[in-house]
N, C-alpha and C. Protein backbone atom coordinates (compact mmCIF):
# COMPACT_ATOMS: atom_id res chain seq x y z
N MET A 1 -39.91 -4.62 14.71
CA MET A 1 -40.21 -3.38 15.36
C MET A 1 -38.98 -2.48 15.46
N LYS A 2 -37.83 -3.08 15.82
CA LYS A 2 -36.62 -2.29 15.95
C LYS A 2 -36.17 -1.73 14.61
N ASN A 3 -36.38 -2.49 13.55
CA ASN A 3 -36.01 -2.04 12.22
C ASN A 3 -36.84 -0.82 11.82
N GLN A 4 -38.11 -0.78 12.19
CA GLN A 4 -38.96 0.37 11.88
C GLN A 4 -38.50 1.62 12.63
N ILE A 5 -38.08 1.44 13.86
CA ILE A 5 -37.59 2.57 14.65
C ILE A 5 -36.29 3.09 14.05
N ASP A 6 -35.40 2.20 13.66
CA ASP A 6 -34.14 2.62 13.04
C ASP A 6 -34.41 3.36 11.73
N GLN A 7 -35.34 2.88 10.93
CA GLN A 7 -35.68 3.55 9.68
C GLN A 7 -36.29 4.92 9.95
N TYR A 8 -37.14 5.02 10.97
CA TYR A 8 -37.73 6.30 11.34
C TYR A 8 -36.66 7.30 11.78
N GLN A 9 -35.71 6.84 12.61
CA GLN A 9 -34.64 7.72 13.06
C GLN A 9 -33.76 8.16 11.89
N THR A 10 -33.49 7.28 10.98
CA THR A 10 -32.69 7.63 9.80
C THR A 10 -33.40 8.69 8.97
N ASN A 11 -34.69 8.52 8.75
CA ASN A 11 -35.45 9.51 7.99
C ASN A 11 -35.50 10.85 8.70
N GLN A 12 -35.63 10.84 10.01
CA GLN A 12 -35.66 12.08 10.78
C GLN A 12 -34.31 12.79 10.72
N ARG A 13 -33.21 12.04 10.78
CA ARG A 13 -31.88 12.65 10.66
C ARG A 13 -31.68 13.29 9.31
N LYS A 14 -32.09 12.59 8.25
CA LYS A 14 -31.96 13.14 6.90
C LYS A 14 -32.80 14.41 6.75
N LEU A 15 -34.03 14.38 7.25
CA LEU A 15 -34.91 15.52 7.13
C LEU A 15 -34.39 16.71 7.93
N THR A 16 -33.95 16.47 9.15
CA THR A 16 -33.44 17.55 9.99
C THR A 16 -32.20 18.18 9.38
N LEU A 17 -31.28 17.36 8.92
CA LEU A 17 -30.06 17.88 8.29
C LEU A 17 -30.38 18.64 7.02
N SER A 18 -31.33 18.17 6.26
CA SER A 18 -31.72 18.86 5.03
C SER A 18 -32.31 20.23 5.34
N VAL A 19 -33.18 20.31 6.33
CA VAL A 19 -33.80 21.59 6.69
C VAL A 19 -32.74 22.57 7.18
N ILE A 20 -31.84 22.11 8.03
CA ILE A 20 -30.79 22.99 8.55
C ILE A 20 -29.88 23.47 7.42
N THR A 21 -29.55 22.59 6.50
CA THR A 21 -28.68 22.98 5.38
C THR A 21 -29.37 23.99 4.48
N TRP A 22 -30.66 23.81 4.21
CA TRP A 22 -31.39 24.79 3.39
C TRP A 22 -31.46 26.14 4.08
N ILE A 23 -31.66 26.15 5.40
CA ILE A 23 -31.69 27.42 6.13
C ILE A 23 -30.35 28.13 6.04
N ILE A 24 -29.26 27.38 6.23
CA ILE A 24 -27.92 27.98 6.13
C ILE A 24 -27.66 28.48 4.72
N LEU A 25 -28.09 27.72 3.72
CA LEU A 25 -27.90 28.13 2.33
C LEU A 25 -28.61 29.45 2.04
N PHE A 26 -29.89 29.56 2.41
CA PHE A 26 -30.63 30.79 2.15
C PHE A 26 -30.13 31.95 2.99
N ALA A 27 -29.74 31.70 4.22
CA ALA A 27 -29.20 32.77 5.07
C ALA A 27 -27.88 33.29 4.51
N ALA A 28 -27.02 32.39 4.06
CA ALA A 28 -25.73 32.81 3.50
C ALA A 28 -25.94 33.61 2.21
N LEU A 29 -26.85 33.16 1.36
CA LEU A 29 -27.14 33.91 0.13
C LEU A 29 -27.73 35.28 0.45
N GLY A 30 -28.68 35.31 1.35
CA GLY A 30 -29.31 36.59 1.71
C GLY A 30 -28.33 37.57 2.33
N LEU A 31 -27.53 37.11 3.26
CA LEU A 31 -26.55 37.99 3.88
C LEU A 31 -25.46 38.40 2.90
N GLY A 32 -25.09 37.50 2.01
CA GLY A 32 -24.11 37.86 0.99
C GLY A 32 -24.62 38.94 0.07
N ILE A 33 -25.88 38.86 -0.31
CA ILE A 33 -26.48 39.89 -1.17
C ILE A 33 -26.57 41.22 -0.42
N LEU A 34 -26.95 41.17 0.85
CA LEU A 34 -27.02 42.41 1.64
C LEU A 34 -25.64 43.04 1.85
N ASN A 35 -24.62 42.24 1.96
CA ASN A 35 -23.27 42.77 2.17
C ASN A 35 -22.67 43.39 0.92
N ILE A 36 -23.27 43.14 -0.23
CA ILE A 36 -22.76 43.74 -1.46
C ILE A 36 -22.85 45.27 -1.38
N GLN A 37 -23.90 45.78 -0.77
CA GLN A 37 -24.04 47.24 -0.69
C GLN A 37 -23.00 47.88 0.22
N TYR A 38 -22.47 47.11 1.17
CA TYR A 38 -21.43 47.64 2.07
C TYR A 38 -20.02 47.40 1.55
N ARG A 39 -19.92 46.65 0.48
CA ARG A 39 -18.64 46.35 -0.17
C ARG A 39 -17.61 45.73 0.78
N THR A 40 -18.09 44.81 1.61
CA THR A 40 -17.18 44.05 2.48
C THR A 40 -16.88 42.74 1.76
N TRP A 41 -15.88 42.77 0.93
CA TRP A 41 -15.62 41.69 -0.02
C TRP A 41 -15.21 40.39 0.67
N ASN A 42 -14.50 40.48 1.79
CA ASN A 42 -14.12 39.24 2.48
C ASN A 42 -15.34 38.48 2.99
N SER A 43 -16.29 39.21 3.58
CA SER A 43 -17.48 38.52 4.07
C SER A 43 -18.38 38.06 2.93
N ILE A 44 -18.40 38.81 1.85
CA ILE A 44 -19.21 38.40 0.69
C ILE A 44 -18.67 37.09 0.11
N ILE A 45 -17.36 37.01 -0.04
CA ILE A 45 -16.76 35.79 -0.57
C ILE A 45 -16.99 34.62 0.38
N ALA A 46 -16.86 34.87 1.69
CA ALA A 46 -17.06 33.80 2.67
C ALA A 46 -18.51 33.31 2.67
N LEU A 47 -19.46 34.22 2.59
CA LEU A 47 -20.87 33.83 2.61
C LEU A 47 -21.28 33.09 1.34
N PHE A 48 -20.84 33.58 0.19
CA PHE A 48 -21.16 32.88 -1.06
C PHE A 48 -20.42 31.55 -1.15
N GLY A 49 -19.23 31.49 -0.57
CA GLY A 49 -18.52 30.21 -0.50
C GLY A 49 -19.25 29.20 0.36
N LEU A 50 -19.77 29.68 1.49
CA LEU A 50 -20.57 28.80 2.36
C LEU A 50 -21.81 28.31 1.64
N ALA A 51 -22.47 29.20 0.93
CA ALA A 51 -23.67 28.81 0.18
C ALA A 51 -23.32 27.80 -0.91
N LEU A 52 -22.19 28.01 -1.56
CA LEU A 52 -21.76 27.09 -2.61
C LEU A 52 -21.44 25.70 -2.04
N LEU A 53 -20.84 25.66 -0.86
CA LEU A 53 -20.49 24.38 -0.26
C LEU A 53 -21.68 23.66 0.37
N CYS A 54 -22.79 24.36 0.52
CA CYS A 54 -24.01 23.70 1.02
C CYS A 54 -24.62 22.78 -0.03
N VAL A 55 -24.36 23.05 -1.30
CA VAL A 55 -24.93 22.24 -2.37
C VAL A 55 -24.43 20.79 -2.33
N PRO A 56 -23.10 20.54 -2.23
CA PRO A 56 -22.66 19.14 -2.12
C PRO A 56 -23.16 18.46 -0.85
N ILE A 57 -23.35 19.24 0.20
CA ILE A 57 -23.88 18.66 1.45
C ILE A 57 -25.30 18.18 1.23
N LEU A 58 -26.10 18.97 0.52
CA LEU A 58 -27.46 18.54 0.21
C LEU A 58 -27.47 17.30 -0.69
N ILE A 59 -26.54 17.24 -1.63
CA ILE A 59 -26.46 16.07 -2.51
C ILE A 59 -26.05 14.84 -1.72
N LEU A 60 -25.04 14.97 -0.87
CA LEU A 60 -24.62 13.83 -0.04
C LEU A 60 -25.77 13.35 0.85
N ASN A 61 -26.50 14.30 1.42
CA ASN A 61 -27.61 13.94 2.29
C ASN A 61 -28.71 13.22 1.53
N SER A 62 -28.94 13.60 0.29
CA SER A 62 -29.98 12.95 -0.50
C SER A 62 -29.61 11.51 -0.87
N TYR A 63 -28.31 11.22 -0.90
CA TYR A 63 -27.86 9.86 -1.17
C TYR A 63 -27.60 9.06 0.11
N SER A 64 -28.17 9.50 1.21
CA SER A 64 -28.11 8.83 2.52
C SER A 64 -26.73 8.81 3.15
N TYR A 65 -25.89 9.74 2.79
CA TYR A 65 -24.60 9.91 3.47
C TYR A 65 -24.76 11.03 4.50
N TYR A 66 -25.74 10.88 5.38
CA TYR A 66 -26.06 11.96 6.30
C TYR A 66 -24.99 12.15 7.37
N THR A 67 -24.23 11.13 7.69
CA THR A 67 -23.16 11.29 8.66
C THR A 67 -22.04 12.15 8.07
N SER A 68 -21.64 11.84 6.86
CA SER A 68 -20.59 12.63 6.20
C SER A 68 -21.04 14.06 5.96
N SER A 69 -22.26 14.23 5.51
CA SER A 69 -22.75 15.58 5.26
C SER A 69 -22.91 16.37 6.55
N GLY A 70 -23.29 15.71 7.62
CA GLY A 70 -23.39 16.39 8.91
C GLY A 70 -22.04 16.86 9.43
N ILE A 71 -21.03 16.01 9.26
CA ILE A 71 -19.67 16.37 9.69
C ILE A 71 -19.16 17.55 8.86
N LEU A 72 -19.39 17.53 7.55
CA LEU A 72 -18.97 18.65 6.70
C LEU A 72 -19.67 19.95 7.09
N LEU A 73 -20.95 19.85 7.38
CA LEU A 73 -21.72 21.05 7.73
C LEU A 73 -21.22 21.63 9.06
N ILE A 74 -20.91 20.77 10.01
CA ILE A 74 -20.41 21.25 11.30
C ILE A 74 -19.09 21.96 11.11
N HIS A 75 -18.20 21.38 10.31
CA HIS A 75 -16.88 22.01 10.09
C HIS A 75 -16.99 23.32 9.32
N LEU A 76 -17.96 23.43 8.43
CA LEU A 76 -18.12 24.67 7.69
C LEU A 76 -18.64 25.79 8.57
N THR A 77 -19.53 25.49 9.47
CA THR A 77 -20.17 26.55 10.26
C THR A 77 -19.39 26.89 11.51
N GLN A 78 -18.39 26.12 11.89
CA GLN A 78 -17.62 26.41 13.09
C GLN A 78 -16.68 27.59 12.90
N LYS A 79 -16.21 27.81 11.73
CA LYS A 79 -15.18 28.84 11.52
C LYS A 79 -15.77 30.15 11.31
């Protein structure tokens, strides 16, 4: 019984982290595209960089390294 609960929690963590990462990825891409018209190059580079760094986080999460990918995502979004 405990093993089933642990497996359920692991799956929920992976799913939650995946959804949050996809939201951040699409938000960063969308805001980066919108900022192109204002020519704010620093924010455009930062947003596209964030979107680019979300890809390895999604890959790590798919290989069940959800702790490492969660730590990376937290550090990326704090700054």
